[in-house]
N, C-alpha and C. Protein backbone atom coordinates (compact mmCIF):
# COMPACT_ATOMS: atom_id res chain seq x y z
N MET A 1 103.37 103.79 135.48
CA MET A 1 104.79 103.70 135.15
C MET A 1 105.56 103.16 136.34
N GLN A 2 106.58 102.42 136.05
CA GLN A 2 107.48 101.90 137.06
C GLN A 2 108.49 102.99 137.45
N ALA A 3 109.00 102.90 138.66
CA ALA A 3 110.03 103.84 139.11
C ALA A 3 111.30 103.63 138.29
N PHE A 4 112.01 104.72 138.03
CA PHE A 4 113.27 104.63 137.30
C PHE A 4 114.19 105.75 137.76
N THR A 5 115.47 105.60 137.47
CA THR A 5 116.47 106.60 137.76
C THR A 5 116.73 107.41 136.50
N TYR A 6 116.82 108.72 136.64
CA TYR A 6 117.09 109.61 135.51
C TYR A 6 118.50 110.17 135.68
N GLN A 7 119.30 110.09 134.60
CA GLN A 7 120.63 110.68 134.60
C GLN A 7 120.83 111.46 133.31
N ASN A 8 121.53 112.58 133.42
CA ASN A 8 121.77 113.46 132.29
C ASN A 8 123.23 113.35 131.89
N ALA A 9 123.49 112.82 130.70
CA ALA A 9 124.85 112.64 130.21
C ALA A 9 125.34 113.90 129.50
N GLU A 10 126.55 114.30 129.80
CA GLU A 10 127.15 115.47 129.16
C GLU A 10 127.79 115.13 127.83
N ASP A 11 128.28 113.89 127.69
CA ASP A 11 128.97 113.48 126.48
C ASP A 11 128.87 111.97 126.33
N VAL A 12 129.42 111.46 125.23
CA VAL A 12 129.33 110.03 124.94
C VAL A 12 130.01 109.21 126.03
N THR A 13 131.17 109.65 126.47
CA THR A 13 131.91 108.92 127.50
C THR A 13 131.08 108.76 128.77
N SER A 14 130.46 109.84 129.22
CA SER A 14 129.65 109.76 130.44
C SER A 14 128.40 108.91 130.22
N ALA A 15 127.80 108.97 129.04
CA ALA A 15 126.62 108.14 128.74
C ALA A 15 126.96 106.66 128.78
N LEU A 16 128.10 106.30 128.22
CA LEU A 16 128.52 104.90 128.23
C LEU A 16 128.84 104.44 129.65
N ALA A 17 129.47 105.29 130.44
CA ALA A 17 129.77 104.95 131.83
C ALA A 17 128.49 104.76 132.63
N MET A 18 127.50 105.61 132.40
CA MET A 18 126.22 105.48 133.09
C MET A 18 125.54 104.17 132.71
N ALA A 19 125.63 103.79 131.46
CA ALA A 19 125.03 102.54 131.00
C ALA A 19 125.73 101.35 131.65
N ARG A 20 127.06 101.39 131.71
CA ARG A 20 127.81 100.29 132.33
C ARG A 20 127.49 100.16 133.81
N ASN A 21 127.14 101.26 134.45
CA ASN A 21 126.88 101.26 135.88
C ASN A 21 125.42 100.97 136.23
N THR A 22 124.65 100.50 135.29
CA THR A 22 123.28 100.11 135.57
C THR A 22 123.33 98.79 136.33
N ALA A 23 122.85 98.81 137.55
CA ALA A 23 122.98 97.62 138.39
C ALA A 23 121.67 97.25 139.07
N ASP A 24 120.60 97.26 138.32
CA ASP A 24 119.31 96.84 138.86
C ASP A 24 119.21 95.33 138.66
N SER A 25 119.28 94.58 139.73
CA SER A 25 119.34 93.12 139.62
C SER A 25 118.06 92.52 139.06
N GLN A 26 116.91 93.19 139.23
CA GLN A 26 115.66 92.64 138.72
C GLN A 26 115.48 92.92 137.23
N ARG A 27 115.73 94.17 136.80
CA ARG A 27 115.48 94.52 135.41
C ARG A 27 116.76 94.72 134.62
N ASN A 28 117.76 95.30 135.25
CA ASN A 28 119.06 95.55 134.63
C ASN A 28 118.94 96.10 133.22
N GLU A 29 118.08 97.11 133.06
CA GLU A 29 117.88 97.71 131.75
C GLU A 29 118.01 99.22 131.85
N PHE A 30 118.45 99.81 130.75
CA PHE A 30 118.48 101.26 130.65
C PHE A 30 118.03 101.62 129.25
N ARG A 31 117.62 102.84 129.08
CA ARG A 31 117.27 103.37 127.76
C ARG A 31 117.85 104.76 127.63
N TYR A 32 118.33 105.06 126.45
CA TYR A 32 118.77 106.42 126.17
C TYR A 32 117.55 107.25 125.79
N LEU A 33 117.53 108.50 126.20
CA LEU A 33 116.42 109.41 125.93
C LEU A 33 116.93 110.59 125.12
N ALA A 34 116.30 110.86 124.01
CA ALA A 34 116.58 112.07 123.24
C ALA A 34 115.26 112.83 123.14
N GLY A 35 114.47 112.56 122.10
CA GLY A 35 113.16 113.20 122.01
C GLY A 35 112.17 112.59 122.99
N GLY A 36 112.18 111.26 123.06
CA GLY A 36 111.35 110.55 124.02
C GLY A 36 109.89 110.41 123.62
N THR A 37 109.53 110.79 122.40
CA THR A 37 108.12 110.78 122.03
C THR A 37 107.53 109.37 122.00
N THR A 38 108.32 108.35 121.73
CA THR A 38 107.84 106.98 121.76
C THR A 38 108.16 106.32 123.09
N LEU A 39 109.35 106.54 123.61
CA LEU A 39 109.76 105.90 124.86
C LEU A 39 108.81 106.20 126.00
N ILE A 40 108.43 107.44 126.17
CA ILE A 40 107.56 107.81 127.28
C ILE A 40 106.20 107.12 127.14
N ASP A 41 105.66 107.08 125.92
CA ASP A 41 104.39 106.37 125.69
C ASP A 41 104.50 104.90 126.07
N LEU A 42 105.58 104.25 125.65
CA LEU A 42 105.75 102.84 125.95
C LEU A 42 105.96 102.59 127.44
N MET A 43 106.57 103.54 128.13
CA MET A 43 106.73 103.42 129.58
C MET A 43 105.38 103.57 130.28
N LYS A 44 104.54 104.46 129.80
CA LYS A 44 103.20 104.62 130.38
C LYS A 44 102.37 103.36 130.24
N LEU A 45 102.59 102.63 129.15
CA LEU A 45 101.86 101.40 128.89
C LEU A 45 102.49 100.18 129.56
N ASN A 46 103.63 100.37 130.21
CA ASN A 46 104.42 99.29 130.82
C ASN A 46 104.95 98.30 129.79
N VAL A 47 105.07 98.73 128.55
CA VAL A 47 105.71 97.91 127.53
C VAL A 47 107.23 98.01 127.71
N GLU A 48 107.71 99.20 127.97
CA GLU A 48 109.12 99.44 128.31
C GLU A 48 109.16 99.76 129.80
N VAL A 49 110.03 99.08 130.54
CA VAL A 49 110.16 99.34 131.98
C VAL A 49 111.64 99.42 132.37
N PRO A 50 112.35 100.39 131.82
CA PRO A 50 113.77 100.50 132.16
C PRO A 50 113.96 100.95 133.61
N SER A 51 115.05 100.51 134.19
CA SER A 51 115.38 100.94 135.55
C SER A 51 116.12 102.27 135.53
N LYS A 52 116.66 102.62 134.36
CA LYS A 52 117.42 103.87 134.25
C LYS A 52 117.17 104.52 132.89
N ILE A 53 117.00 105.84 132.91
CA ILE A 53 116.90 106.64 131.69
C ILE A 53 118.16 107.52 131.64
N ILE A 54 118.87 107.46 130.52
CA ILE A 54 120.06 108.27 130.33
C ILE A 54 119.76 109.29 129.24
N ASP A 55 119.63 110.54 129.63
CA ASP A 55 119.29 111.63 128.72
C ASP A 55 120.52 112.04 127.93
N ILE A 56 120.44 111.96 126.61
CA ILE A 56 121.57 112.32 125.75
C ILE A 56 121.32 113.61 124.96
N ASN A 57 120.37 114.41 125.38
CA ASN A 57 120.06 115.65 124.67
C ASN A 57 121.21 116.63 124.62
N ASN A 58 122.11 116.57 125.60
CA ASN A 58 123.27 117.47 125.57
C ASN A 58 124.18 117.22 124.36
N PHE A 59 124.11 116.02 123.78
CA PHE A 59 124.91 115.73 122.59
C PHE A 59 124.51 116.64 121.43
N ALA A 60 123.28 117.11 121.45
CA ALA A 60 122.76 117.93 120.34
C ALA A 60 123.54 119.23 120.20
N ASN A 61 124.30 119.62 121.22
CA ASN A 61 125.14 120.81 121.11
C ASN A 61 126.30 120.59 120.15
N ASP A 62 126.58 119.35 119.81
CA ASP A 62 127.66 118.98 118.90
C ASP A 62 127.04 118.73 117.51
N GLN A 63 127.49 119.46 116.52
CA GLN A 63 126.93 119.34 115.17
C GLN A 63 127.09 117.93 114.59
N ALA A 64 128.04 117.17 115.09
CA ALA A 64 128.18 115.79 114.62
C ALA A 64 126.93 114.98 114.95
N TRP A 65 126.23 115.36 116.01
CA TRP A 65 125.04 114.63 116.44
C TRP A 65 123.74 115.25 115.92
N SER A 66 123.71 116.56 115.74
CA SER A 66 122.45 117.21 115.37
C SER A 66 122.54 118.02 114.08
N GLY A 67 123.64 117.93 113.39
CA GLY A 67 123.85 118.75 112.21
C GLY A 67 122.93 118.43 111.04
N ILE A 68 122.74 119.45 110.21
CA ILE A 68 122.01 119.34 108.95
C ILE A 68 122.92 119.97 107.91
N GLU A 69 123.52 119.14 107.07
CA GLU A 69 124.50 119.64 106.11
C GLU A 69 124.12 119.24 104.68
N VAL A 70 124.00 120.24 103.82
CA VAL A 70 123.78 120.01 102.40
C VAL A 70 125.05 120.44 101.69
N SER A 71 125.63 119.53 100.91
CA SER A 71 126.86 119.83 100.19
C SER A 71 126.83 119.15 98.83
N VAL A 72 127.91 119.31 98.09
CA VAL A 72 128.00 118.65 96.78
C VAL A 72 128.00 117.14 96.93
N ASN A 73 128.33 116.65 98.12
CA ASN A 73 128.34 115.21 98.38
C ASN A 73 126.97 114.68 98.77
N GLY A 74 126.00 115.56 98.98
CA GLY A 74 124.66 115.12 99.35
C GLY A 74 124.18 115.73 100.64
N LEU A 75 123.33 115.03 101.32
CA LEU A 75 122.71 115.49 102.55
C LEU A 75 123.21 114.64 103.71
N ARG A 76 123.65 115.31 104.77
CA ARG A 76 124.08 114.62 105.99
C ARG A 76 123.22 115.13 107.14
N LEU A 77 122.56 114.19 107.83
CA LEU A 77 121.68 114.53 108.94
C LEU A 77 122.15 113.81 110.19
N GLY A 78 122.35 114.55 111.27
CA GLY A 78 122.72 113.94 112.54
C GLY A 78 121.55 113.21 113.15
N SER A 79 121.84 112.16 113.90
CA SER A 79 120.77 111.35 114.48
C SER A 79 119.95 112.12 115.52
N LEU A 80 120.51 113.19 116.11
CA LEU A 80 119.77 113.98 117.08
C LEU A 80 119.13 115.23 116.47
N ALA A 81 119.19 115.35 115.16
CA ALA A 81 118.49 116.46 114.50
C ALA A 81 117.00 116.26 114.70
N ARG A 82 116.30 117.31 115.06
CA ARG A 82 114.85 117.24 115.26
C ARG A 82 114.15 117.25 113.91
N MET A 83 113.05 116.53 113.83
CA MET A 83 112.29 116.48 112.58
C MET A 83 111.91 117.87 112.09
N ALA A 84 111.48 118.74 113.00
CA ALA A 84 111.06 120.09 112.62
C ALA A 84 112.23 120.90 112.06
N ASP A 85 113.41 120.76 112.66
CA ASP A 85 114.58 121.51 112.20
C ASP A 85 114.96 121.10 110.78
N VAL A 86 114.90 119.80 110.49
CA VAL A 86 115.23 119.33 109.15
C VAL A 86 114.16 119.78 108.16
N ALA A 87 112.90 119.62 108.52
CA ALA A 87 111.80 119.98 107.62
C ALA A 87 111.81 121.46 107.27
N GLU A 88 112.22 122.31 108.22
CA GLU A 88 112.19 123.76 108.01
C GLU A 88 113.51 124.33 107.49
N ASN A 89 114.53 123.51 107.37
CA ASN A 89 115.83 123.97 106.91
C ASN A 89 115.73 124.44 105.45
N ALA A 90 116.20 125.65 105.16
CA ALA A 90 116.08 126.24 103.82
C ALA A 90 116.79 125.39 102.77
N ASP A 91 117.98 124.88 103.08
CA ASP A 91 118.71 124.06 102.11
C ASP A 91 118.01 122.73 101.84
N VAL A 92 117.44 122.13 102.87
CA VAL A 92 116.70 120.88 102.69
C VAL A 92 115.46 121.15 101.84
N LYS A 93 114.75 122.23 102.15
CA LYS A 93 113.56 122.58 101.36
C LYS A 93 113.91 122.80 99.89
N SER A 94 115.04 123.44 99.64
CA SER A 94 115.45 123.78 98.28
C SER A 94 115.98 122.57 97.51
N HIS A 95 116.87 121.80 98.13
CA HIS A 95 117.55 120.71 97.42
C HIS A 95 116.91 119.34 97.63
N TYR A 96 116.16 119.17 98.72
CA TYR A 96 115.53 117.89 99.04
C TYR A 96 114.08 118.12 99.49
N PRO A 97 113.27 118.68 98.61
CA PRO A 97 111.91 119.05 99.01
C PRO A 97 111.05 117.86 99.47
N LEU A 98 111.26 116.68 98.92
CA LEU A 98 110.46 115.54 99.34
C LEU A 98 110.75 115.15 100.78
N ILE A 99 112.00 115.29 101.20
CA ILE A 99 112.33 114.99 102.60
C ILE A 99 111.64 116.00 103.51
N SER A 100 111.73 117.26 103.14
CA SER A 100 111.08 118.30 103.94
C SER A 100 109.57 118.06 104.02
N GLN A 101 108.95 117.80 102.88
CA GLN A 101 107.51 117.59 102.85
C GLN A 101 107.09 116.34 103.62
N SER A 102 107.86 115.26 103.50
CA SER A 102 107.48 114.04 104.21
C SER A 102 107.61 114.22 105.72
N LEU A 103 108.62 114.94 106.17
CA LEU A 103 108.75 115.21 107.60
C LEU A 103 107.62 116.09 108.11
N MET A 104 107.19 117.04 107.31
CA MET A 104 106.08 117.92 107.70
C MET A 104 104.78 117.13 107.85
N GLN A 105 104.64 116.04 107.10
CA GLN A 105 103.41 115.25 107.15
C GLN A 105 103.52 114.06 108.10
N ALA A 106 104.70 113.82 108.64
CA ALA A 106 104.93 112.61 109.44
C ALA A 106 104.36 112.67 110.85
N ALA A 107 104.15 113.87 111.37
CA ALA A 107 103.70 113.98 112.76
C ALA A 107 103.12 115.36 113.00
N SER A 108 102.54 115.53 114.18
CA SER A 108 102.02 116.84 114.57
C SER A 108 103.18 117.79 114.83
N PRO A 109 102.94 119.10 114.81
CA PRO A 109 104.02 120.05 115.09
C PRO A 109 104.69 119.80 116.44
N GLN A 110 103.92 119.43 117.44
CA GLN A 110 104.49 119.17 118.76
C GLN A 110 105.48 118.01 118.72
N LEU A 111 105.11 116.95 118.04
CA LEU A 111 106.01 115.80 117.94
C LEU A 111 107.22 116.12 117.08
N ARG A 112 107.02 116.83 115.97
CA ARG A 112 108.16 117.20 115.12
C ARG A 112 109.18 118.04 115.89
N ASN A 113 108.72 118.86 116.81
CA ASN A 113 109.63 119.70 117.59
C ASN A 113 110.46 118.89 118.58
N MET A 114 109.99 117.73 118.97
CA MET A 114 110.70 116.89 119.94
C MET A 114 111.41 115.69 119.31
N ALA A 115 110.79 115.07 118.33
CA ALA A 115 111.28 113.81 117.77
C ALA A 115 112.60 113.98 117.03
N THR A 116 113.52 113.07 117.30
CA THR A 116 114.81 113.07 116.60
C THR A 116 114.73 112.10 115.41
N LEU A 117 115.58 112.34 114.42
CA LEU A 117 115.60 111.45 113.26
C LEU A 117 116.04 110.04 113.66
N GLY A 118 117.07 109.96 114.50
CA GLY A 118 117.54 108.65 114.94
C GLY A 118 116.48 107.88 115.69
N GLY A 119 115.79 108.55 116.58
CA GLY A 119 114.72 107.90 117.33
C GLY A 119 113.58 107.46 116.45
N ASN A 120 113.28 108.26 115.44
CA ASN A 120 112.20 107.92 114.52
C ASN A 120 112.53 106.63 113.77
N VAL A 121 113.77 106.51 113.33
CA VAL A 121 114.18 105.31 112.60
C VAL A 121 114.19 104.09 113.53
N LEU A 122 114.59 104.29 114.79
CA LEU A 122 114.75 103.17 115.71
C LEU A 122 113.55 102.89 116.59
N GLN A 123 112.44 103.60 116.39
CA GLN A 123 111.29 103.41 117.28
C GLN A 123 110.76 101.99 117.21
N ARG A 124 110.14 101.59 118.29
CA ARG A 124 109.58 100.25 118.39
C ARG A 124 108.35 100.13 117.50
N THR A 125 107.93 98.92 117.27
CA THR A 125 106.80 98.63 116.39
C THR A 125 105.53 99.37 116.81
N ARG A 126 104.71 99.69 115.83
CA ARG A 126 103.43 100.34 116.08
C ARG A 126 102.30 99.32 116.26
N CYS A 127 102.62 98.05 116.27
CA CYS A 127 101.62 96.99 116.41
C CYS A 127 100.82 97.16 117.70
N ALA A 128 99.50 97.15 117.58
CA ALA A 128 98.63 97.31 118.74
C ALA A 128 98.78 96.15 119.72
N TYR A 129 99.09 94.96 119.22
CA TYR A 129 99.28 93.80 120.10
C TYR A 129 100.56 93.94 120.92
N PHE A 130 101.57 94.56 120.34
CA PHE A 130 102.81 94.83 121.06
C PHE A 130 102.58 95.88 122.15
N ARG A 131 101.82 96.90 121.82
CA ARG A 131 101.61 98.03 122.74
C ARG A 131 100.57 97.77 123.82
N ASP A 132 99.81 96.71 123.70
CA ASP A 132 98.79 96.39 124.70
C ASP A 132 99.27 95.16 125.49
N VAL A 133 99.73 95.37 126.71
CA VAL A 133 100.32 94.28 127.50
C VAL A 133 99.29 93.23 127.92
N SER A 134 98.00 93.47 127.70
CA SER A 134 97.01 92.44 128.02
C SER A 134 97.10 91.27 127.03
N TYR A 135 97.70 91.50 125.87
CA TYR A 135 97.97 90.41 124.93
C TYR A 135 99.31 89.80 125.32
N THR A 136 99.27 88.62 125.87
CA THR A 136 100.52 87.98 126.32
C THR A 136 101.30 87.41 125.14
N GLN A 137 100.59 87.10 124.04
CA GLN A 137 101.27 86.56 122.87
C GLN A 137 101.86 87.70 122.04
N CYS A 138 103.12 87.98 122.26
CA CYS A 138 103.85 88.96 121.46
C CYS A 138 105.32 88.61 121.53
N ASN A 139 105.84 88.06 120.46
CA ASN A 139 107.24 87.65 120.43
C ASN A 139 108.22 88.81 120.59
N LYS A 140 107.80 90.03 120.25
CA LYS A 140 108.69 91.18 120.42
C LYS A 140 108.78 91.60 121.89
N ARG A 141 107.70 91.41 122.63
CA ARG A 141 107.66 91.76 124.05
C ARG A 141 108.03 90.57 124.93
N ASN A 142 107.52 89.40 124.57
CA ASN A 142 107.74 88.16 125.33
C ASN A 142 108.24 87.09 124.36
N PRO A 143 109.53 87.05 124.08
CA PRO A 143 110.06 86.09 123.10
C PRO A 143 109.59 84.66 123.36
N GLY A 144 109.13 84.02 122.29
CA GLY A 144 108.66 82.64 122.37
C GLY A 144 107.20 82.48 122.73
N SER A 145 106.49 83.59 122.93
CA SER A 145 105.08 83.51 123.35
C SER A 145 104.11 83.41 122.19
N GLY A 146 104.55 83.68 120.98
CA GLY A 146 103.67 83.67 119.83
C GLY A 146 103.33 85.09 119.39
N CYS A 147 102.47 85.18 118.40
CA CYS A 147 102.08 86.49 117.85
C CYS A 147 100.57 86.54 117.71
N ALA A 148 99.93 87.33 118.56
CA ALA A 148 98.47 87.46 118.53
C ALA A 148 97.98 88.07 117.22
N ALA A 149 98.82 88.84 116.56
CA ALA A 149 98.41 89.51 115.32
C ALA A 149 98.25 88.54 114.15
N ILE A 150 98.93 87.42 114.19
CA ILE A 150 98.86 86.47 113.07
C ILE A 150 97.41 86.02 112.85
N ASP A 151 96.71 85.67 113.92
CA ASP A 151 95.32 85.25 113.79
C ASP A 151 94.34 86.35 114.15
N GLY A 152 94.85 87.53 114.52
CA GLY A 152 94.01 88.64 114.92
C GLY A 152 93.83 89.65 113.80
N HIS A 153 93.42 90.84 114.17
CA HIS A 153 93.24 91.93 113.20
C HIS A 153 94.63 92.38 112.76
N ASN A 154 94.96 92.18 111.48
CA ASN A 154 96.31 92.49 111.02
C ASN A 154 96.36 93.12 109.63
N ARG A 155 95.27 93.66 109.19
CA ARG A 155 95.21 94.21 107.84
C ARG A 155 96.25 95.30 107.60
N LEU A 156 96.57 96.09 108.60
CA LEU A 156 97.52 97.20 108.43
C LEU A 156 98.93 96.83 108.86
N HIS A 157 99.18 95.56 109.11
CA HIS A 157 100.50 95.11 109.54
C HIS A 157 101.35 94.67 108.35
N ALA A 158 102.64 94.59 108.57
CA ALA A 158 103.61 93.95 107.67
C ALA A 158 103.53 94.42 106.23
N VAL A 159 103.80 95.68 106.05
CA VAL A 159 103.83 96.22 104.69
C VAL A 159 104.89 95.49 103.87
N LEU A 160 105.99 95.09 104.52
CA LEU A 160 107.10 94.46 103.81
C LEU A 160 107.15 92.95 103.98
N GLY A 161 106.13 92.33 104.54
CA GLY A 161 106.11 90.89 104.69
C GLY A 161 106.04 90.47 106.14
N ALA A 162 105.88 89.17 106.35
CA ALA A 162 105.71 88.62 107.69
C ALA A 162 106.55 87.37 107.82
N SER A 163 106.58 86.83 109.03
CA SER A 163 107.25 85.56 109.28
C SER A 163 106.34 84.72 110.14
N GLN A 164 106.74 83.50 110.42
CA GLN A 164 105.93 82.63 111.29
C GLN A 164 105.96 83.11 112.74
N ASN A 165 106.90 84.00 113.07
CA ASN A 165 107.04 84.49 114.44
C ASN A 165 106.37 85.84 114.71
N CYS A 166 106.20 86.63 113.66
CA CYS A 166 105.64 87.98 113.85
C CYS A 166 105.10 88.51 112.54
N ILE A 167 103.89 88.97 112.58
CA ILE A 167 103.32 89.50 111.35
C ILE A 167 103.87 90.88 111.08
């Protein structure tokens, strides 16, 4: 892993200020951290090499970010709600059993306890060519380099289709 700076944001205002103050002239990148179940793996592989990590877990104290609400209007889930909390919520189990069941099957108990719903939706591709930096041809990692998966092993890729740039 590359060296990085860790900062803990108390609220949205401080998180945005920390992001604006990222001044690494070589990488000039930051990433927000909530559950971190994918980010840390990608950092270990050197796929992600941010110069700064901004921890936003303190936002979870605000129900707007981590709430689980079942009402006559439907289901509202905060982006920082943990998969395990949603899966085990009595109202979700009762009124939205498929959501509860799918979350229970989506990951191991350890990951469900850490993973946030927002992070799960926004996680980077699971493509092995993307995650293995020895493959230089990856348009998601190295724009314009090509896609090794197009001519490689790709049977489990692109459930929803492909393009000439990325399978």
